N, C-alpha and C. Protein backbone atom coordinates (compact mmCIF):
# COMPACT_ATOMS: atom_id res chain seq x y z
N MET A 1 -16.57 -28.51 7.86
CA MET A 1 -15.32 -27.90 7.47
C MET A 1 -14.68 -27.29 8.72
N THR A 2 -13.43 -27.67 8.98
CA THR A 2 -12.74 -27.12 10.15
C THR A 2 -11.64 -26.17 9.69
N GLY A 3 -11.11 -25.48 10.63
CA GLY A 3 -10.06 -24.51 10.34
C GLY A 3 -10.41 -23.17 10.95
N GLN A 4 -9.72 -22.16 10.49
CA GLN A 4 -9.98 -20.81 10.98
C GLN A 4 -9.75 -19.81 9.87
N VAL A 5 -10.23 -18.61 10.11
CA VAL A 5 -10.06 -17.50 9.18
C VAL A 5 -9.26 -16.43 9.91
N VAL A 6 -8.20 -15.96 9.26
CA VAL A 6 -7.32 -14.97 9.87
C VAL A 6 -7.32 -13.70 9.02
N PHE A 7 -7.63 -12.58 9.66
CA PHE A 7 -7.56 -11.27 9.03
C PHE A 7 -6.19 -10.69 9.40
N SER A 8 -5.34 -10.51 8.42
CA SER A 8 -4.02 -9.90 8.65
C SER A 8 -4.02 -8.51 8.06
N GLN A 9 -3.42 -7.59 8.79
CA GLN A 9 -3.43 -6.19 8.37
C GLN A 9 -2.00 -5.73 8.12
N LEU A 10 -1.82 -4.97 7.03
CA LEU A 10 -0.52 -4.36 6.77
C LEU A 10 -0.24 -3.38 7.91
N ARG A 11 0.85 -3.61 8.63
CA ARG A 11 1.16 -2.79 9.80
C ARG A 11 2.35 -1.86 9.56
N ARG A 12 3.21 -2.22 8.62
CA ARG A 12 4.40 -1.42 8.40
C ARG A 12 4.62 -1.21 6.92
N LYS A 13 5.22 -0.12 6.62
CA LYS A 13 5.67 0.15 5.27
C LYS A 13 7.06 0.74 5.40
N PHE A 14 7.91 0.38 4.50
CA PHE A 14 9.28 0.86 4.53
C PHE A 14 9.47 1.88 3.42
N ILE A 15 9.32 3.13 3.77
CA ILE A 15 9.47 4.23 2.83
C ILE A 15 10.36 5.27 3.49
N ASP A 16 11.28 5.80 2.73
CA ASP A 16 12.11 6.90 3.23
C ASP A 16 11.24 8.15 3.24
N GLU A 17 10.71 8.47 4.40
CA GLU A 17 9.81 9.62 4.50
C GLU A 17 10.54 10.89 4.90
N SER A 18 11.88 10.85 4.89
CA SER A 18 12.63 12.05 5.23
C SER A 18 12.60 13.06 4.09
N GLN A 19 12.26 12.59 2.89
CA GLN A 19 12.16 13.49 1.74
C GLN A 19 10.70 13.81 1.48
N GLN A 20 10.45 15.04 1.09
CA GLN A 20 9.09 15.47 0.78
C GLN A 20 8.70 14.92 -0.60
N THR A 21 7.54 14.25 -0.68
CA THR A 21 7.05 13.76 -1.97
C THR A 21 5.63 14.27 -2.17
N SER A 22 5.29 14.46 -3.43
CA SER A 22 3.94 14.93 -3.74
C SER A 22 2.92 13.85 -3.40
N ALA A 23 1.68 14.25 -3.23
CA ALA A 23 0.61 13.29 -2.93
C ALA A 23 0.48 12.26 -4.04
N GLN A 24 0.62 12.69 -5.29
CA GLN A 24 0.51 11.77 -6.42
C GLN A 24 1.65 10.75 -6.40
N ALA A 25 2.87 11.21 -6.15
CA ALA A 25 4.01 10.29 -6.08
C ALA A 25 3.85 9.33 -4.91
N GLN A 26 3.33 9.83 -3.81
CA GLN A 26 3.12 9.00 -2.63
C GLN A 26 2.13 7.88 -2.94
N GLN A 27 1.09 8.16 -3.70
CA GLN A 27 0.12 7.13 -4.06
C GLN A 27 0.75 6.06 -4.94
N VAL A 28 1.68 6.44 -5.82
CA VAL A 28 2.40 5.46 -6.64
C VAL A 28 3.24 4.55 -5.75
N ILE A 29 3.90 5.15 -4.77
CA ILE A 29 4.70 4.36 -3.83
C ILE A 29 3.80 3.39 -3.07
N TYR A 30 2.67 3.88 -2.56
CA TYR A 30 1.75 3.04 -1.81
C TYR A 30 1.19 1.92 -2.68
N TYR A 31 0.90 2.22 -3.93
CA TYR A 31 0.40 1.19 -4.84
C TYR A 31 1.46 0.10 -5.01
N GLY A 32 2.70 0.50 -5.15
CA GLY A 32 3.79 -0.47 -5.26
C GLY A 32 3.86 -1.36 -4.04
N LEU A 33 3.65 -0.77 -2.87
CA LEU A 33 3.63 -1.57 -1.64
C LEU A 33 2.44 -2.52 -1.63
N ALA A 34 1.30 -2.03 -2.08
CA ALA A 34 0.08 -2.84 -2.06
C ALA A 34 0.18 -4.06 -2.97
N ILE A 35 0.83 -3.92 -4.12
CA ILE A 35 0.94 -5.06 -5.04
C ILE A 35 2.27 -5.78 -4.89
N GLY A 36 3.07 -5.33 -3.94
CA GLY A 36 4.42 -5.86 -3.77
C GLY A 36 4.49 -7.36 -3.59
N HIS A 37 3.49 -7.97 -2.93
CA HIS A 37 3.56 -9.41 -2.72
C HIS A 37 3.51 -10.17 -4.04
N HIS A 38 3.03 -9.54 -5.10
CA HIS A 38 3.04 -10.16 -6.42
C HIS A 38 4.39 -9.98 -7.11
N LEU A 39 5.20 -9.07 -6.58
CA LEU A 39 6.49 -8.74 -7.19
C LEU A 39 7.66 -9.25 -6.37
N GLY A 40 7.39 -10.02 -5.33
CA GLY A 40 8.45 -10.55 -4.50
C GLY A 40 8.80 -9.69 -3.30
N VAL A 41 8.06 -8.61 -3.07
CA VAL A 41 8.28 -7.76 -1.90
C VAL A 41 7.53 -8.38 -0.73
N ILE A 42 8.17 -8.44 0.40
CA ILE A 42 7.52 -9.02 1.58
C ILE A 42 6.82 -7.91 2.35
N ASP A 43 5.53 -8.06 2.53
CA ASP A 43 4.75 -7.11 3.31
C ASP A 43 4.81 -7.51 4.78
N CYS A 44 4.73 -6.54 5.65
CA CYS A 44 4.73 -6.79 7.08
C CYS A 44 3.29 -6.85 7.57
N LEU A 45 2.72 -8.03 7.49
CA LEU A 45 1.34 -8.25 7.91
C LEU A 45 1.34 -8.88 9.29
N SER A 46 0.36 -8.53 10.08
CA SER A 46 0.19 -9.19 11.37
C SER A 46 -1.29 -9.49 11.59
N ALA A 47 -1.53 -10.61 12.26
CA ALA A 47 -2.91 -11.04 12.50
C ALA A 47 -3.63 -10.01 13.37
N ALA A 48 -4.81 -9.62 12.92
CA ALA A 48 -5.61 -8.63 13.65
C ALA A 48 -6.92 -9.22 14.16
N LEU A 49 -7.37 -10.31 13.54
CA LEU A 49 -8.63 -10.95 13.93
C LEU A 49 -8.59 -12.39 13.46
N THR A 50 -8.99 -13.30 14.32
CA THR A 50 -9.05 -14.72 13.99
C THR A 50 -10.37 -15.27 14.49
N CYS A 51 -11.02 -16.08 13.66
CA CYS A 51 -12.24 -16.74 14.11
C CYS A 51 -12.33 -18.12 13.46
N PRO A 52 -12.98 -19.07 14.14
CA PRO A 52 -13.16 -20.39 13.57
C PRO A 52 -13.93 -20.31 12.25
N LEU A 53 -13.57 -21.18 11.32
CA LEU A 53 -14.17 -21.14 9.98
C LEU A 53 -15.69 -21.27 10.02
N GLN A 54 -16.21 -22.20 10.83
CA GLN A 54 -17.66 -22.38 10.91
C GLN A 54 -18.33 -21.10 11.42
N ASP A 55 -17.74 -20.47 12.42
CA ASP A 55 -18.28 -19.21 12.95
C ASP A 55 -18.19 -18.10 11.91
N TYR A 56 -17.12 -18.10 11.13
CA TYR A 56 -16.97 -17.10 10.06
C TYR A 56 -18.12 -17.23 9.06
N GLN A 57 -18.42 -18.46 8.68
CA GLN A 57 -19.50 -18.69 7.71
C GLN A 57 -20.84 -18.23 8.27
N GLU A 58 -21.08 -18.48 9.55
CA GLU A 58 -22.32 -18.02 10.19
C GLU A 58 -22.34 -16.49 10.28
N TRP A 59 -21.19 -15.89 10.53
CA TRP A 59 -21.07 -14.44 10.63
C TRP A 59 -21.41 -13.78 9.30
N ILE A 60 -20.80 -14.24 8.20
CA ILE A 60 -21.07 -13.59 6.92
C ILE A 60 -22.48 -13.91 6.41
N ALA A 61 -23.10 -14.95 6.97
CA ALA A 61 -24.50 -15.25 6.62
C ALA A 61 -25.44 -14.17 7.16
N THR A 62 -24.98 -13.35 8.11
CA THR A 62 -25.81 -12.25 8.63
C THR A 62 -25.84 -11.06 7.68
N LEU A 63 -24.97 -11.06 6.69
CA LEU A 63 -24.95 -9.98 5.70
C LEU A 63 -26.10 -10.19 4.72
N GLU A 64 -26.45 -9.14 3.99
CA GLU A 64 -27.53 -9.25 3.01
C GLU A 64 -27.28 -10.44 2.09
N GLU A 65 -28.28 -11.32 2.03
CA GLU A 65 -28.14 -12.55 1.25
C GLU A 65 -27.86 -12.23 -0.22
N ASN A 66 -26.79 -12.85 -0.73
CA ASN A 66 -26.33 -12.67 -2.11
C ASN A 66 -25.95 -11.24 -2.44
N GLY A 67 -25.76 -10.43 -1.42
CA GLY A 67 -25.31 -9.05 -1.63
C GLY A 67 -23.82 -9.02 -1.97
N GLU A 68 -23.37 -7.88 -2.41
CA GLU A 68 -21.98 -7.73 -2.83
C GLU A 68 -21.00 -8.04 -1.69
N ALA A 69 -21.32 -7.58 -0.48
CA ALA A 69 -20.44 -7.81 0.67
C ALA A 69 -20.37 -9.29 1.01
N GLN A 70 -21.51 -9.97 1.00
CA GLN A 70 -21.51 -11.39 1.31
C GLN A 70 -20.71 -12.17 0.26
N ARG A 71 -20.87 -11.81 -1.00
CA ARG A 71 -20.10 -12.48 -2.07
C ARG A 71 -18.60 -12.25 -1.89
N LYS A 72 -18.23 -11.02 -1.54
CA LYS A 72 -16.81 -10.70 -1.33
C LYS A 72 -16.25 -11.55 -0.20
N MET A 73 -16.94 -11.56 0.93
CA MET A 73 -16.44 -12.27 2.10
C MET A 73 -16.47 -13.79 1.91
N ALA A 74 -17.40 -14.30 1.10
CA ALA A 74 -17.46 -15.74 0.82
C ALA A 74 -16.27 -16.20 -0.01
N GLY A 75 -15.55 -15.27 -0.61
CA GLY A 75 -14.36 -15.63 -1.36
C GLY A 75 -13.31 -16.33 -0.52
N VAL A 76 -13.33 -16.10 0.79
CA VAL A 76 -12.38 -16.76 1.68
C VAL A 76 -12.60 -18.27 1.64
N THR A 77 -13.85 -18.71 1.73
CA THR A 77 -14.11 -20.14 1.71
C THR A 77 -13.98 -20.71 0.30
N ARG A 78 -14.30 -19.91 -0.69
CA ARG A 78 -14.25 -20.37 -2.08
C ARG A 78 -12.82 -20.43 -2.62
N TYR A 79 -12.04 -19.39 -2.39
CA TYR A 79 -10.71 -19.27 -3.01
C TYR A 79 -9.55 -19.43 -2.02
N GLY A 80 -9.84 -19.40 -0.73
CA GLY A 80 -8.79 -19.53 0.26
C GLY A 80 -8.30 -18.22 0.83
N GLU A 81 -8.46 -17.13 0.08
CA GLU A 81 -8.07 -15.82 0.60
C GLU A 81 -8.70 -14.72 -0.24
N ILE A 82 -8.83 -13.57 0.40
CA ILE A 82 -9.28 -12.36 -0.29
C ILE A 82 -8.43 -11.19 0.20
N VAL A 83 -8.42 -10.14 -0.57
CA VAL A 83 -7.77 -8.89 -0.18
C VAL A 83 -8.86 -7.84 -0.04
N ILE A 84 -8.80 -7.10 1.05
CA ILE A 84 -9.71 -5.98 1.27
C ILE A 84 -8.86 -4.72 1.27
N ASP A 85 -9.18 -3.82 0.36
CA ASP A 85 -8.43 -2.56 0.28
C ASP A 85 -9.39 -1.39 0.22
N SER A 86 -8.88 -0.23 -0.12
CA SER A 86 -9.68 1.00 -0.07
C SER A 86 -10.89 0.95 -1.00
N GLN A 87 -10.86 0.11 -2.02
CA GLN A 87 -12.01 0.00 -2.93
C GLN A 87 -13.22 -0.67 -2.28
N HIS A 88 -12.99 -1.40 -1.21
CA HIS A 88 -14.04 -2.21 -0.59
C HIS A 88 -14.63 -1.61 0.68
N ILE A 89 -14.02 -0.56 1.22
CA ILE A 89 -14.40 -0.14 2.57
C ILE A 89 -15.83 0.37 2.69
N THR A 90 -16.31 1.13 1.74
CA THR A 90 -17.67 1.67 1.84
C THR A 90 -18.69 0.56 1.79
N MET A 91 -18.54 -0.34 0.83
CA MET A 91 -19.48 -1.45 0.67
C MET A 91 -19.49 -2.35 1.90
N LEU A 92 -18.31 -2.71 2.40
CA LEU A 92 -18.24 -3.61 3.55
C LEU A 92 -18.69 -2.92 4.84
N ALA A 93 -18.29 -1.67 5.04
CA ALA A 93 -18.71 -0.96 6.26
C ALA A 93 -20.23 -0.83 6.31
N SER A 94 -20.85 -0.51 5.20
CA SER A 94 -22.32 -0.40 5.16
C SER A 94 -22.97 -1.72 5.49
N ALA A 95 -22.47 -2.79 4.90
CA ALA A 95 -23.07 -4.11 5.10
C ALA A 95 -22.91 -4.60 6.54
N PHE A 96 -21.72 -4.45 7.11
CA PHE A 96 -21.51 -4.93 8.48
C PHE A 96 -22.22 -4.05 9.50
N ASN A 97 -22.31 -2.76 9.26
CA ASN A 97 -23.10 -1.89 10.14
C ASN A 97 -24.57 -2.29 10.11
N ALA A 98 -25.10 -2.57 8.93
CA ALA A 98 -26.51 -2.95 8.79
C ALA A 98 -26.79 -4.29 9.47
N ALA A 99 -25.80 -5.18 9.50
CA ALA A 99 -26.00 -6.52 10.06
C ALA A 99 -25.87 -6.56 11.59
N LEU A 100 -25.28 -5.55 12.19
CA LEU A 100 -25.02 -5.56 13.64
C LEU A 100 -26.23 -5.93 14.49
N PRO A 101 -27.43 -5.37 14.27
CA PRO A 101 -28.55 -5.68 15.15
C PRO A 101 -28.96 -7.15 15.17
N GLN A 102 -28.72 -7.88 14.11
CA GLN A 102 -29.13 -9.29 14.06
C GLN A 102 -28.00 -10.25 14.40
N GLN A 103 -26.84 -9.73 14.74
CA GLN A 103 -25.69 -10.59 15.02
C GLN A 103 -25.62 -10.96 16.50
N SER A 104 -25.01 -12.12 16.76
CA SER A 104 -24.75 -12.53 18.13
C SER A 104 -23.66 -11.63 18.71
N SER A 105 -23.46 -11.73 20.01
CA SER A 105 -22.45 -10.90 20.67
C SER A 105 -21.05 -11.12 20.09
N PRO A 106 -20.60 -12.39 19.91
CA PRO A 106 -19.27 -12.58 19.30
C PRO A 106 -19.20 -12.00 17.88
N GLN A 107 -20.27 -12.19 17.10
CA GLN A 107 -20.30 -11.65 15.74
C GLN A 107 -20.22 -10.13 15.74
N GLN A 108 -20.90 -9.50 16.68
CA GLN A 108 -20.83 -8.04 16.80
C GLN A 108 -19.41 -7.59 17.12
N GLY A 109 -18.73 -8.35 17.97
CA GLY A 109 -17.33 -8.04 18.28
C GLY A 109 -16.45 -8.12 17.05
N TRP A 110 -16.63 -9.18 16.25
CA TRP A 110 -15.84 -9.32 15.02
C TRP A 110 -16.18 -8.19 14.05
N SER A 111 -17.47 -7.85 13.95
CA SER A 111 -17.87 -6.77 13.05
C SER A 111 -17.24 -5.45 13.48
N ARG A 112 -17.26 -5.18 14.77
CA ARG A 112 -16.67 -3.92 15.26
C ARG A 112 -15.16 -3.89 15.01
N SER A 113 -14.51 -5.03 15.18
CA SER A 113 -13.07 -5.10 14.88
C SER A 113 -12.82 -4.85 13.40
N LEU A 114 -13.63 -5.48 12.55
CA LEU A 114 -13.48 -5.27 11.11
C LEU A 114 -13.76 -3.82 10.74
N LEU A 115 -14.80 -3.24 11.33
CA LEU A 115 -15.12 -1.84 11.05
C LEU A 115 -13.96 -0.91 11.44
N GLU A 116 -13.29 -1.22 12.53
CA GLU A 116 -12.12 -0.42 12.93
C GLU A 116 -11.00 -0.58 11.91
N MET A 117 -10.79 -1.80 11.42
CA MET A 117 -9.77 -2.02 10.40
C MET A 117 -10.12 -1.27 9.11
N LEU A 118 -11.39 -1.27 8.75
CA LEU A 118 -11.82 -0.54 7.56
C LEU A 118 -11.60 0.96 7.75
N HIS A 119 -11.84 1.44 8.96
CA HIS A 119 -11.59 2.86 9.27
C HIS A 119 -10.09 3.18 9.11
N ASN A 120 -9.24 2.25 9.53
CA ASN A 120 -7.80 2.45 9.36
C ASN A 120 -7.43 2.56 7.88
N ILE A 121 -8.05 1.75 7.05
CA ILE A 121 -7.80 1.81 5.61
C ILE A 121 -8.28 3.14 5.06
N HIS A 122 -9.42 3.61 5.55
CA HIS A 122 -9.95 4.90 5.10
C HIS A 122 -8.96 6.03 5.42
N ARG A 123 -8.38 5.97 6.61
CA ARG A 123 -7.40 7.00 7.02
C ARG A 123 -6.10 6.89 6.25
N GLU A 124 -5.69 5.66 5.93
CA GLU A 124 -4.43 5.43 5.23
C GLU A 124 -4.64 4.39 4.14
N PRO A 125 -4.91 4.82 2.92
CA PRO A 125 -5.27 3.91 1.83
C PRO A 125 -4.22 2.85 1.49
N ALA A 126 -2.97 3.01 1.96
CA ALA A 126 -1.95 2.01 1.68
C ALA A 126 -2.16 0.74 2.51
N ILE A 127 -2.93 0.85 3.58
CA ILE A 127 -3.22 -0.31 4.42
C ILE A 127 -4.21 -1.20 3.69
N TYR A 128 -4.04 -2.49 3.84
CA TYR A 128 -5.01 -3.43 3.30
C TYR A 128 -5.09 -4.63 4.23
N LEU A 129 -6.09 -5.44 4.03
CA LEU A 129 -6.27 -6.66 4.81
C LEU A 129 -6.11 -7.86 3.88
N LEU A 130 -5.45 -8.87 4.36
CA LEU A 130 -5.40 -10.16 3.68
C LEU A 130 -6.17 -11.11 4.57
N VAL A 131 -7.25 -11.64 4.06
CA VAL A 131 -8.11 -12.55 4.84
C VAL A 131 -7.90 -13.94 4.27
N ARG A 132 -7.40 -14.84 5.10
CA ARG A 132 -6.98 -16.15 4.61
C ARG A 132 -7.60 -17.27 5.44
N ARG A 133 -8.05 -18.30 4.74
CA ARG A 133 -8.53 -19.52 5.39
C ARG A 133 -7.33 -20.40 5.71
N GLN A 134 -7.28 -20.89 6.94
CA GLN A 134 -6.24 -21.83 7.34
C GLN A 134 -6.92 -23.13 7.72
N ASP A 135 -6.71 -24.14 6.93
CA ASP A 135 -7.31 -25.44 7.19
C ASP A 135 -6.48 -26.22 8.19
N ASP A 136 -7.17 -27.02 9.01
CA ASP A 136 -6.48 -27.86 10.00
C ASP A 136 -5.74 -28.99 9.32
């Protein structure tokens, strides 16, 4: 199987932040942004990590076999894309941290990049990742 896997990260949100809004109202706004691609809203995503599909499969094979993180990440090859949001960060961060010692140098680099993206989501829950398979 040829192709590549691209991790795209939400980089921008268009919200009038000149007005003070409550934390609860802000979460409703962020949720609207997060599901906006289903409602015809265009999200501003930009590629943050790209790796060849074969290498991606070998990378996620370093995760706990049949574990929740491996099943989540395998969705890219099975369904063509997955979304990673604030609900997934603890599970994925734990799994990729645990896998670091057994990973090759390039895999460790991808893991560290992903861990940084997960940290960004932790800091700002409106951020999410769209991980998509691109076939040749």
